[in-house]
Protein backbone atom coordinates (compact mmCIF):
# COMPACT_ATOMS: atom_id res chain seq x y z
CA MET A 1 20.31 -106.51 25.22
CA ILE A 2 20.83 -103.56 22.87
CA GLY A 3 24.02 -102.41 24.56
CA ARG A 4 26.26 -103.14 27.51
CA PHE A 5 26.26 -101.06 30.67
CA GLN A 6 30.02 -100.50 30.46
CA TRP A 7 29.57 -98.71 27.13
CA VAL A 8 27.65 -95.97 28.95
CA LEU A 9 30.74 -95.18 31.04
CA ARG A 10 33.25 -95.56 28.24
CA THR A 11 31.47 -93.36 25.73
CA ALA A 12 30.78 -90.65 28.33
CA ARG A 13 34.49 -90.43 29.18
CA ARG A 14 35.67 -90.46 25.57
CA HIS A 15 33.30 -87.60 24.74
CA ALA A 16 33.95 -85.57 27.90
CA ALA A 17 33.35 -81.84 27.41
CA ASP A 18 36.67 -81.21 29.14
CA ARG A 19 39.04 -82.85 26.67
CA SER A 20 41.70 -83.33 29.35
CA ARG A 21 39.43 -85.95 30.96
CA ARG A 22 39.02 -88.10 27.86
CA SER A 23 42.14 -90.20 28.43
CA ALA A 24 42.27 -92.70 31.27
CA ALA A 25 45.19 -90.82 32.81
CA GLY A 26 43.39 -87.49 32.66
CA PHE A 27 40.17 -88.97 33.99
CA VAL A 28 41.68 -90.52 37.13
CA ARG A 29 43.35 -87.21 37.98
CA VAL A 30 39.96 -85.66 38.75
CA LEU A 31 38.83 -88.55 40.97
CA PRO A 32 39.28 -87.92 44.69
CA ASP A 33 41.29 -91.11 45.30
CA GLN A 34 43.19 -90.88 41.96
CA PRO A 35 43.42 -94.62 41.20
CA HIS A 36 45.85 -96.02 38.62
CA ARG A 37 44.74 -95.40 35.04
CA ALA A 38 44.60 -99.17 34.46
CA GLN A 39 41.58 -99.22 36.76
CA VAL A 40 39.59 -97.30 34.14
CA LYS A 41 40.04 -100.13 31.66
CA ARG A 42 38.79 -102.64 34.23
CA TRP A 43 35.74 -100.51 34.94
CA GLU A 44 34.90 -100.17 31.26
CA ASP A 45 35.63 -103.66 29.91
CA GLY A 46 33.44 -105.63 32.31
CA SER A 47 36.26 -106.90 34.53
CA VAL A 48 34.48 -105.52 37.60
CA VAL A 49 30.81 -105.53 38.49
CA LEU A 50 29.22 -102.20 37.66
CA GLY A 51 27.52 -100.49 40.58
CA HIS A 52 25.53 -97.36 41.36
CA ASP A 53 28.40 -95.61 43.14
CA LEU A 54 30.81 -96.12 40.24
CA VAL A 55 28.36 -94.67 37.73
CA ARG A 56 27.77 -91.68 40.00
CA ARG A 57 31.56 -91.18 40.20
CA TYR A 58 31.63 -90.91 36.40
CA GLU A 59 28.73 -88.45 36.38
CA THR A 60 30.44 -86.28 38.97
CA ALA A 61 33.91 -86.42 37.42
CA LEU A 62 32.56 -85.61 33.95
CA GLU A 63 30.28 -82.86 35.33
CA LEU A 64 27.15 -84.50 33.95
CA PRO A 65 23.66 -83.95 35.38
CA GLU A 66 22.77 -86.37 38.15
CA GLY A 67 21.29 -89.56 36.75
CA GLN A 68 22.22 -89.07 33.10
CA LEU A 69 24.32 -92.25 32.96
CA LEU A 70 22.18 -94.16 35.46
CA ARG A 71 19.06 -93.60 33.36
CA SER A 72 20.86 -94.98 30.29
CA VAL A 73 21.68 -98.10 32.29
CA ASP A 74 18.04 -98.38 33.39
CA LEU A 75 16.83 -98.08 29.80
CA LEU A 76 19.16 -100.84 28.63
CA ALA A 77 18.24 -103.07 31.57
CA ARG A 78 14.49 -102.80 30.87
CA GLU A 79 15.06 -104.67 27.63
CA ASP A 80 15.86 -107.86 29.55
CA ASP A 81 13.83 -107.29 32.71
CA PRO A 82 10.69 -105.28 31.93
CA LEU A 83 8.98 -105.99 35.27
CA ARG A 84 11.85 -104.82 37.48
CA ARG A 85 10.50 -102.62 40.32
CA GLY A 86 13.69 -100.87 41.42
CA PRO A 87 16.75 -99.30 39.79
CA ALA A 88 18.98 -101.55 37.70
CA LEU A 89 21.87 -100.38 39.89
CA PRO A 90 20.42 -99.65 43.35
CA PRO A 91 22.36 -97.41 45.72
CA THR A 92 24.70 -99.31 48.02
CA THR A 93 23.48 -97.35 51.03
CA VAL A 94 19.84 -96.69 51.83
CA PRO A 95 18.34 -94.61 54.63
CA ASP A 96 17.76 -96.28 57.98
CA ASP A 97 14.12 -95.24 57.82
CA VAL A 98 12.95 -95.48 54.21
CA VAL A 99 9.39 -94.44 55.03
CA LEU A 100 10.56 -91.35 56.91
CA GLU A 101 12.53 -90.19 53.87
CA ALA A 102 9.80 -91.05 51.36
CA MET A 103 6.90 -89.31 53.12
CA PRO A 104 7.97 -85.68 52.43
CA LEU A 105 8.29 -86.55 48.74
CA LEU A 106 4.90 -88.23 48.75
CA GLU A 107 3.40 -85.12 50.33
CA LYS A 108 4.90 -82.96 47.56
CA VAL A 109 3.41 -85.26 44.93
CA LEU A 110 -0.09 -85.30 46.41
CA THR A 111 -0.21 -81.53 47.01
CA TYR A 112 1.07 -80.80 43.49
CA GLU A 113 4.23 -79.08 44.61
CA PRO A 114 6.99 -79.01 41.96
CA MET A 115 8.99 -82.25 41.71
CA THR A 116 12.30 -82.59 39.87
CA GLY A 117 13.16 -85.67 37.87
CA VAL A 118 15.80 -86.59 40.44
CA GLU A 119 13.16 -86.41 43.19
CA TRP A 120 10.87 -88.73 41.23
CA ASP A 121 13.79 -91.13 40.81
CA ARG A 122 14.51 -91.04 44.54
CA PHE A 123 10.86 -91.45 45.51
CA SER A 124 10.26 -94.44 43.22
CA MET A 125 13.46 -96.08 44.45
CA LEU A 126 12.38 -95.68 48.07
CA VAL A 127 8.90 -97.10 47.38
CA SER A 128 10.50 -100.16 45.74
CA LEU A 129 12.35 -100.87 49.01
CA VAL A 130 9.27 -100.87 51.24
CA PRO A 131 7.90 -104.40 51.72
CA HIS A 132 4.49 -103.12 52.81
CA VAL A 133 2.02 -100.64 51.33
CA LEU A 134 3.37 -97.10 51.63
CA VAL A 135 0.75 -95.22 49.59
CA ARG A 136 -2.93 -95.36 50.49
CA SER A 137 -5.08 -96.79 47.70
CA ARG A 138 -7.04 -93.54 47.33
CA ASP A 139 -3.78 -91.63 46.80
CA TRP A 140 -2.39 -93.92 44.11
CA GLU A 141 -4.70 -92.51 41.43
CA THR A 142 -3.62 -88.94 42.18
CA LEU A 143 0.03 -89.96 42.18
CA LEU A 144 -0.08 -91.98 38.97
CA HIS A 145 -2.25 -89.47 37.11
CA ARG A 146 0.16 -86.67 37.99
CA LEU A 147 3.26 -88.67 37.13
CA THR A 148 1.89 -89.84 33.78
CA LEU A 149 0.90 -86.30 32.79
CA GLU A 150 4.25 -84.96 33.97
CA THR A 151 6.10 -87.61 31.97
CA SER A 152 4.10 -86.81 28.85
CA VAL A 153 5.12 -83.14 28.87
CA SER A 154 8.80 -83.66 29.75
CA THR A 155 11.76 -84.10 27.42
CA GLY A 156 15.35 -85.27 27.58
CA LEU A 157 16.77 -86.37 30.92
CA GLU A 158 13.76 -85.00 32.82
CA TYR A 159 11.57 -87.32 30.75
CA ALA A 160 13.88 -90.29 31.38
CA HIS A 161 13.77 -89.75 35.16
CA ARG A 162 9.97 -89.64 35.21
CA TRP A 163 9.50 -92.50 32.76
CA GLU A 164 11.67 -94.81 34.85
CA ALA A 165 9.83 -93.71 38.01
CA ALA A 166 6.45 -94.41 36.41
CA VAL A 167 7.54 -97.88 35.31
CA ARG A 168 8.87 -98.74 38.77
CA LEU A 169 5.73 -97.55 40.53
CA GLY A 170 3.47 -99.20 37.96
CA GLY A 171 5.08 -102.55 38.74
CA ASP A 172 3.92 -102.40 42.37
CA ARG A 173 1.24 -105.09 42.72
CA SER A 174 -0.64 -103.01 45.29
CA VAL A 175 -1.35 -100.39 42.62
CA THR A 176 -2.36 -102.66 39.75
CA GLY A 177 -6.13 -102.18 39.99
CA VAL A 178 -5.92 -98.39 40.18
CA LEU A 179 -3.36 -98.28 37.38
CA ILE A 180 -5.39 -100.42 35.00
CA GLU A 181 -8.50 -98.29 35.54
CA LEU A 182 -6.47 -95.13 34.90
CA ILE A 183 -4.98 -96.52 31.69
CA GLU A 184 -8.30 -97.79 30.36
CA SER A 185 -10.05 -94.47 30.97
CA ALA A 186 -7.27 -92.70 29.06
CA LEU A 187 -7.03 -95.06 26.08
CA ILE A 188 -10.76 -94.83 25.30
CA ASP A 189 -10.99 -91.04 25.78
CA ASP A 190 -10.96 -89.16 22.48
CA ASP A 191 -9.93 -85.93 24.24
CA VAL A 192 -6.66 -87.26 25.67
CA GLN A 193 -3.79 -85.77 23.68
CA LEU A 194 -0.85 -87.96 24.74
CA TYR A 195 -1.65 -91.67 24.95
CA SER A 196 1.79 -93.24 24.76
CA ASP A 197 2.83 -92.88 28.38
CA TYR A 198 -0.46 -94.39 29.58
CA ALA A 199 -0.25 -97.35 27.22
CA THR A 200 3.43 -97.87 27.97
CA LEU A 201 2.67 -98.63 31.62
CA LEU A 202 0.82 -101.77 30.53
CA ARG A 203 4.16 -103.14 29.32
CA TYR A 204 5.42 -103.23 32.88
CA THR A 205 2.31 -104.27 34.80
CA PRO A 206 2.31 -107.95 35.80
CA ASP A 207 -1.50 -108.24 36.05
CA PRO A 208 -3.08 -110.00 33.01
CA ARG A 209 -6.17 -107.80 33.37
CA GLY A 210 -4.11 -105.24 31.53
CA HIS A 211 -4.26 -107.46 28.45
CA ASP A 212 -8.07 -107.17 28.38
CA VAL A 213 -7.78 -103.39 28.61
CA LEU A 214 -5.34 -103.37 25.73
CA LEU A 215 -7.54 -105.60 23.57
CA ARG A 216 -10.50 -103.28 24.12
CA ALA A 217 -8.38 -100.29 23.18
CA LEU A 218 -7.14 -102.10 20.06
CA THR A 219 -10.58 -103.15 18.84
CA ALA A 220 -12.39 -99.86 19.60
CA PRO A 221 -9.81 -97.05 19.59
CA PRO A 222 -11.12 -93.49 19.78
CA ASN A 223 -8.59 -92.27 17.20
CA PRO A 224 -5.41 -93.34 15.35
CA ARG A 225 -3.12 -91.92 18.06
CA SER A 226 -4.63 -94.16 20.72
CA LEU A 227 -4.47 -97.11 18.33
CA TRP A 228 -0.80 -96.46 17.60
CA ALA A 229 0.05 -96.34 21.31
CA SER A 230 -1.84 -99.58 21.96
CA LEU A 231 -0.19 -101.38 19.04
CA SER A 232 3.25 -100.33 20.22
CA THR A 233 2.56 -101.62 23.73
CA ALA A 234 1.11 -104.87 22.40
CA THR A 235 4.34 -105.41 20.47
CA THR A 236 6.37 -105.25 23.68
CA LEU A 237 4.09 -107.70 25.49
CA VAL A 238 4.28 -110.11 22.58
CA ARG A 239 8.05 -109.77 22.25
CA HIS A 240 8.58 -110.62 25.92
CA GLY A 241 6.11 -113.51 25.82
CA LEU A 242 3.83 -111.89 28.40
CA VAL A 243 0.53 -112.87 26.70
CA ASP A 244 -1.01 -116.26 25.98
CA HIS A 245 -1.94 -117.71 22.61
CA GLY A 246 -5.54 -116.46 22.65
CA VAL A 247 -4.60 -112.86 23.42
CA ALA A 248 -1.77 -112.91 20.89
CA GLN A 249 -4.14 -114.24 18.24
CA GLU A 250 -6.58 -111.38 18.80
CA MET A 251 -3.73 -108.86 18.72
CA LEU A 252 -2.44 -110.31 15.45
CA ALA A 253 -5.89 -110.08 13.87
CA VAL A 254 -6.14 -106.39 14.75
CA ALA A 255 -2.61 -105.76 13.50
CA ALA A 256 -3.30 -107.42 10.14
CA ASP A 257 -6.46 -105.34 9.67
CA VAL A 258 -4.61 -102.11 10.49
CA VAL A 259 -1.82 -102.92 8.03
CA ALA A 260 -4.37 -103.49 5.26
CA ASP A 261 -6.32 -100.29 6.04
CA GLU A 262 -4.90 -97.61 3.73
CA ALA A 263 -7.00 -94.96 5.48
CA GLN A 264 -4.86 -95.30 8.61
CA PRO A 265 -1.86 -92.98 9.05
CA LEU A 266 1.46 -94.42 7.97
CA ARG A 267 2.92 -94.65 11.45
CA THR A 268 -0.17 -96.54 12.70
CA ARG A 269 0.13 -99.04 9.86
CA LYS A 270 3.82 -99.43 10.66
CA ALA A 271 3.00 -100.16 14.30
CA GLY A 272 0.55 -102.81 13.12
CA ALA A 273 3.20 -104.33 10.87
CA SER A 274 5.71 -104.37 13.71
CA LEU A 275 3.24 -106.21 15.96
CA ALA A 276 2.37 -108.72 13.23
CA LEU A 277 6.02 -109.42 12.50
CA ARG A 278 6.79 -110.06 16.17
CA ALA A 279 3.65 -112.14 16.82
CA GLU A 280 4.41 -114.49 13.94
CA SER A 281 7.98 -115.09 15.15
CA ARG A 282 7.08 -116.47 18.61
CA THR A 283 5.30 -119.41 20.18
CA PHE A 284 2.60 -118.75 22.78
CA PRO A 285 1.21 -121.08 25.47
CA ASP A 286 -2.36 -122.25 24.86
CA ALA A 287 -4.90 -123.42 27.45
CA THR A 288 -3.09 -126.75 27.82
CA GLY A 289 0.29 -125.08 28.33
CA ARG A 290 1.62 -126.22 24.95
CA GLY A 291 3.43 -123.72 22.76
CA ARG A 292 1.64 -122.76 19.54
CA ARG A 293 2.65 -120.54 16.63
CA LEU A 294 0.57 -117.88 14.92
CA ARG A 295 0.44 -117.53 11.16
CA LEU A 296 -0.36 -114.73 8.74
CA THR A 297 -1.77 -115.49 5.32
CA ALA A 298 0.54 -115.03 2.36
CA GLN A 299 -1.32 -111.83 1.43
CA GLN A 300 -1.03 -110.45 4.96
CA ARG A 301 2.67 -111.26 5.04
CA ARG A 302 3.21 -109.32 1.79
CA GLU A 303 1.29 -106.35 3.17
CA VAL A 304 3.41 -106.35 6.34
CA ARG A 305 6.64 -106.43 4.34
CA ASP A 306 5.43 -103.66 2.04
CA VAL A 307 4.44 -101.34 4.90
CA LEU A 308 7.70 -101.90 6.78
CA ALA A 309 9.67 -101.21 3.60
CA TRP A 310 7.63 -98.12 2.74
CA THR A 311 7.71 -96.55 6.21
CA GLY A 312 11.36 -97.24 7.01
CA LEU A 313 14.66 -96.10 5.60
CA GLU A 314 15.78 -98.18 2.66
CA ARG A 315 18.99 -100.09 3.20
CA GLU A 316 20.92 -97.62 1.06
CA ARG A 317 19.66 -94.68 3.14
CA GLN A 318 20.34 -96.51 6.43
CA ASP A 319 23.90 -97.12 5.33
CA ALA A 320 24.29 -93.49 4.26
CA VAL A 321 22.95 -92.11 7.57
CA ARG A 322 25.08 -94.54 9.59
CA ALA A 323 28.22 -93.73 7.59
CA ALA A 324 27.67 -89.97 7.79
CA THR A 325 27.10 -90.20 11.56
CA LEU A 326 30.23 -92.27 12.16
CA ASP A 327 32.26 -90.01 9.87
CA ALA A 328 31.21 -86.93 11.84
CA LEU A 329 31.88 -88.65 15.17
CA ALA A 330 35.30 -89.90 14.04
CA ARG A 331 36.54 -86.35 13.57
CA ASP A 332 36.23 -85.87 17.32
CA VAL A 333 36.47 -89.42 18.76
CA PRO A 334 38.01 -91.83 16.21
CA SER A 335 37.33 -94.89 18.38
CA ASP A 336 33.56 -94.50 17.81
CA VAL A 337 33.99 -95.99 14.34
CA ARG A 338 35.15 -99.31 15.86
CA ASP A 339 32.77 -99.36 18.84
CA PRO A 340 30.52 -102.47 18.62
CA ASP A 341 28.05 -101.19 21.23
CA LEU A 342 27.55 -97.92 19.37
CA ALA A 343 27.14 -99.88 16.14
CA ALA A 344 24.41 -101.99 17.75
CA LEU A 345 22.57 -98.90 18.99
CA LEU A 346 22.75 -97.22 15.58
CA ASP A 347 21.57 -100.38 13.84
CA THR A 348 18.61 -100.66 16.21
CA ALA A 349 17.68 -96.99 15.85
CA LEU A 350 17.87 -97.07 12.05
CA ASP A 351 16.77 -100.58 11.11
CA GLU A 352 14.73 -102.09 13.95
CA PRO A 353 11.18 -102.88 12.77
CA HIS A 354 10.00 -103.34 16.37
CA LEU A 355 9.16 -99.85 17.57
CA ASP A 356 9.72 -100.49 21.27
CA ARG A 357 13.33 -101.61 20.75
CA ARG A 358 13.95 -98.75 18.35
CA ASP A 359 12.58 -96.24 20.85
CA THR A 360 14.83 -97.64 23.59
CA ALA A 361 17.87 -97.22 21.36
CA LEU A 362 16.85 -93.66 20.49
CA ALA A 363 16.24 -92.81 24.16
CA VAL A 364 19.72 -94.08 25.06
CA LEU A 365 21.27 -92.11 22.19
CA LEU A 366 19.34 -89.02 23.29
CA LEU A 367 21.20 -89.16 26.60
CA ALA A 368 24.50 -90.12 24.96
CA PRO A 369 27.02 -87.75 23.34
CA GLN A 370 26.37 -89.24 19.89
CA GLY A 371 22.67 -88.35 19.84
CA ARG A 372 23.16 -84.78 18.64
CA THR A 373 25.33 -85.93 15.73
CA LEU A 374 22.86 -88.61 14.66
CA GLY A 375 20.04 -86.06 14.90
CA ARG A 376 21.91 -83.64 12.65
CA VAL A 377 22.43 -86.33 10.00
CA VAL A 378 18.81 -87.50 10.19
CA ALA A 379 17.61 -83.90 9.76
CA GLN A 380 19.69 -83.64 6.60
CA ASP A 381 18.13 -86.87 5.35
CA LEU A 382 14.68 -85.49 6.16
CA ALA A 383 15.31 -82.43 4.00
CA GLY A 384 16.29 -84.73 1.14
CA ALA A 385 13.22 -86.91 1.66
CA VAL A 386 10.91 -83.87 1.57
CA ASP A 387 12.55 -82.59 -1.61
CA ALA A 388 12.09 -86.03 -3.17
CA ASP A 389 8.44 -86.29 -2.03
CA ASP A 390 9.36 -89.52 -0.23
CA THR A 391 6.71 -89.50 2.50
CA GLY A 392 7.57 -92.90 3.96
CA ARG A 393 11.22 -91.98 4.39
CA ALA A 394 10.25 -88.60 5.88
CA VAL A 395 7.95 -90.28 8.44
CA ALA A 396 10.83 -92.54 9.49
CA ASP A 397 13.15 -89.54 9.86
CA LEU A 398 10.60 -87.50 11.83
CA SER A 399 9.98 -90.38 14.22
CA MET A 400 13.69 -90.31 15.07
CA LEU A 401 13.75 -86.53 15.29
CA SER A 402 10.97 -86.62 17.89
CA PHE A 403 13.85 -87.82 20.11
CA LEU A 404 16.84 -86.12 18.48
CA ALA A 405 15.72 -82.80 16.91
CA GLN A 406 17.97 -79.81 17.58
CA PRO A 407 17.39 -76.03 17.57
CA GLU A 408 18.85 -75.69 14.08
CA ASP A 409 16.09 -77.99 12.75
CA VAL A 410 13.28 -75.63 13.79
CA PRO A 411 12.79 -73.85 10.41
CA LEU A 412 12.28 -77.13 8.51
CA LEU A 413 10.08 -78.64 11.23
CA LEU A 414 7.93 -75.49 11.33
CA ASP A 415 7.40 -75.55 7.57
CA LEU A 416 6.34 -79.20 7.75
CA ALA A 417 4.09 -78.70 10.80
CA LEU A 418 2.22 -75.88 9.04
CA GLY A 419 1.91 -77.75 5.74
CA ARG A 420 4.16 -75.37 3.79
CA ARG A 421 6.29 -78.27 2.58
CA GLY A 422 5.79 -81.98 2.26
CA ASP A 423 2.76 -84.23 2.47
CA ALA A 424 -0.05 -83.51 4.96
CA GLU A 425 0.84 -86.87 6.57
CA LEU A 426 3.98 -85.23 7.94
CA MET A 427 2.30 -82.36 9.80
CA SER A 428 1.61 -84.01 13.15
CA HIS A 429 4.99 -85.80 13.16
CA ALA A 430 6.73 -82.48 12.59
CA GLY A 431 4.68 -80.85 15.35
CA ALA A 432 5.86 -83.54 17.77
CA ALA A 433 9.51 -83.07 16.82
CA LEU A 434 9.16 -79.28 17.00
CA GLY A 435 7.70 -79.45 20.48
CA ASN A 436 10.54 -81.68 21.69
CA VAL A 437 13.42 -79.46 20.50
CA PRO A 438 15.68 -78.83 23.52
CA PRO A 439 16.73 -75.35 24.63
CA PRO A 440 18.11 -72.98 23.65
CA ALA A 441 15.36 -72.88 21.05
CA PRO A 442 14.27 -70.03 18.80
CA GLY A 443 10.63 -69.18 18.84
CA ALA A 444 9.20 -66.76 21.40
CA ASP A 445 9.18 -63.95 18.83
CA THR A 446 9.42 -65.90 15.56
CA VAL A 447 8.17 -69.48 15.59
CA ASP A 448 5.35 -69.26 18.15
CA PRO A 449 3.55 -66.34 16.45
CA GLN A 450 3.55 -68.32 13.19
CA LEU A 451 1.98 -71.34 14.90
CA HIS A 452 -0.60 -69.05 16.49
CA ALA A 453 -1.38 -67.21 13.26
CA TYR A 454 -1.82 -70.52 11.41
CA ALA A 455 -4.32 -71.71 14.02
CA VAL A 456 -6.22 -68.40 14.01
CA ALA A 457 -6.51 -68.52 10.23
CA HIS A 458 -7.89 -72.04 10.39
CA LEU A 459 -10.37 -71.27 13.15
CA THR A 460 -11.69 -68.13 11.41
CA ASP A 461 -11.70 -69.38 7.80
CA PRO A 462 -15.24 -70.31 6.73
CA ALA A 463 -13.79 -72.58 4.05
CA ALA A 464 -11.74 -74.64 6.52
CA PRO A 465 -12.92 -78.26 6.90
CA ARG A 466 -15.33 -78.67 9.83
CA THR A 467 -14.95 -82.29 10.92
CA PRO A 468 -13.80 -83.89 14.15
CA VAL A 469 -10.90 -85.55 12.31
CA ASP A 470 -7.98 -83.29 13.27
CA PRO A 471 -8.37 -80.60 10.58
CA GLY A 472 -5.31 -78.51 9.97
CA ASN A 473 -3.12 -80.52 12.35
CA ALA A 474 -4.77 -79.30 15.55
CA TRP A 475 -2.87 -81.93 17.55
CA GLY A 476 0.58 -81.02 16.19
CA VAL A 477 0.16 -77.24 16.47
CA CYS A 478 -1.20 -77.43 20.02
CA TYR A 479 1.51 -79.89 21.05
CA ALA A 480 4.24 -77.60 19.73
CA LEU A 481 2.77 -74.55 21.48
CA GLY A 482 2.19 -76.44 24.72
CA MET A 483 5.65 -77.99 24.89
CA ARG A 484 7.11 -74.56 24.14
CA GLY A 485 5.25 -73.13 27.14
CA ARG A 486 2.95 -70.81 25.17
CA PHE A 487 -0.18 -71.25 27.25
CA ASP A 488 -1.06 -67.61 26.64
CA LEU A 489 -1.45 -68.37 22.93
CA LEU A 490 -3.30 -71.63 23.59
CA GLU A 491 -5.84 -69.85 25.80
CA ASP A 492 -6.35 -67.16 23.16
CA LEU A 493 -7.06 -69.85 20.57
CA LEU A 494 -9.50 -71.61 22.89
CA ASP A 495 -11.44 -68.35 23.22
CA ARG A 496 -11.70 -68.17 19.42
CA ALA A 497 -12.73 -71.80 18.80
CA HIS A 498 -16.37 -72.84 18.42
CA PRO A 499 -17.17 -76.07 20.30
CA ARG A 500 -19.43 -77.41 17.56
CA ASP A 501 -17.48 -76.46 14.45
CA ASP A 502 -13.92 -76.95 15.68
CA ALA A 503 -14.17 -80.13 17.74
CA ALA A 504 -10.59 -81.31 17.21
CA TRP A 505 -9.17 -77.89 18.01
CA VAL A 506 -11.36 -77.47 21.10
CA SER A 507 -10.35 -80.92 22.34
CA ALA A 508 -6.62 -80.26 21.95
CA LEU A 509 -6.76 -76.70 23.28
CA THR A 510 -8.86 -77.68 26.31
CA TRP A 511 -6.47 -80.49 27.25
CA TRP A 512 -3.50 -78.15 27.28
CA ALA A 513 -5.38 -75.25 28.91
CA THR A 514 -6.47 -77.45 31.82
CA LEU A 515 -3.02 -78.91 32.44
CA PRO A 516 -2.10 -78.09 36.07
CA GLU A 517 0.16 -75.06 36.17
CA VAL A 518 2.88 -76.86 38.12
CA LEU A 519 3.22 -79.40 35.30
CA ARG A 520 3.32 -76.93 32.41
CA PRO A 521 6.53 -76.82 30.36
CA PRO A 522 8.33 -73.47 30.66
CA VAL A 523 9.01 -71.17 27.73
CA PRO A 524 12.43 -72.33 26.44
CA ARG A 525 15.20 -69.81 26.82
CA ALA A 526 16.21 -68.18 23.56
CA GLY A 527 19.40 -69.18 21.83
């Protein structure tokens, strides 16, 4: 496991916004029963079994949004139990009539009424408690399609709520057939803009038919984004030993080819290298049930090492980012420097070649107090990487900033997304990070018009490249505008685009323009 559940409580208290609650004595004073301060140590050192009610007490006492600490626990628990259907820490009390409580939420889902992340959490928890089929088979597709879309266009805690709900519901055996069909249709569709949340569900589906879907997506991907999502999911299945020798062998062959293909984007080649590294380190059962190892050739092994080294932070830079983060944290909470659980999370976020584990660490840090500090340090490293023309290092930094970017990073991310600075390889990565910046974010009167003007210039310039291969970063610009709630600008661009000449732009713009209104991200409030 990347980190212990108790760390989630301990670090939340030590970083409490109200400094009077950071000490054990100050913390117990705000609890209704005001236990002895020694009880805090027992809660946080593993002396007592952690439960749902205790974590909720911490959230309430520290005035945190509902579920912020519980979702961190769920993320950590998925590392060891990927097929778990319910919460890692289920509520101690459940309604007498689970179905009666779940049905109003199901009705909201199916009629496309607004659903909060907390409501999705509650609904998925209730469904996990029902021993019989609660949702009709014809309704599962509507439910899962909506939830996957909603997850894809959410950020922060709202994303974590929906992601956990999707994983729980996807693990229901009664939904497997519908889910696999939904995922396959998405992974082979060139017009889908956000593949990751579809592919991710295959990590948590117990049906081996999902492996066939993934192999088809790996061998005939519609574009590099779909391929990247499929490679990342394959890495998780391989790491948890959820595929047999034959499937793993086919996955390894695809991964080795992707690593060797210099025409692929850097992050796609890194995903291939991550899968190859994991596949070669495990044994897989063959048809006789015996464990067998997979092997790369010496040349393939060199290529994997080279790609991982090129697309990651060098050891010197990892150490510098880690040290700068801990130094900044120590000015406020000195104990962070000696915290082994925080050290493990930072090491995984900065140095983990397996993308699924790295993403889990980053998602936990996003919800933790230390995430903002790490994001600030990574943004500084990104600026240095761009100045040094170090594209591999910049890709690594931007992949972290897609989780951790802050409003103050917007000017640099905008320059990169529009190709004003850095290599063209960085444009889509910067667009993703820009779209995920949390509020309060600048942009309604400054950033968004620049994104729009860039797109207009590309669509109206006769000299612009006219190919279906994402000219001018159509994906990144549309993602940034969509996640920033600027559907007025997206619709204007769609009116200007020519279906034949601007295929990539039309595809991206149409996907966002047809997103159901109830799922659309709002315009972030200005800072």
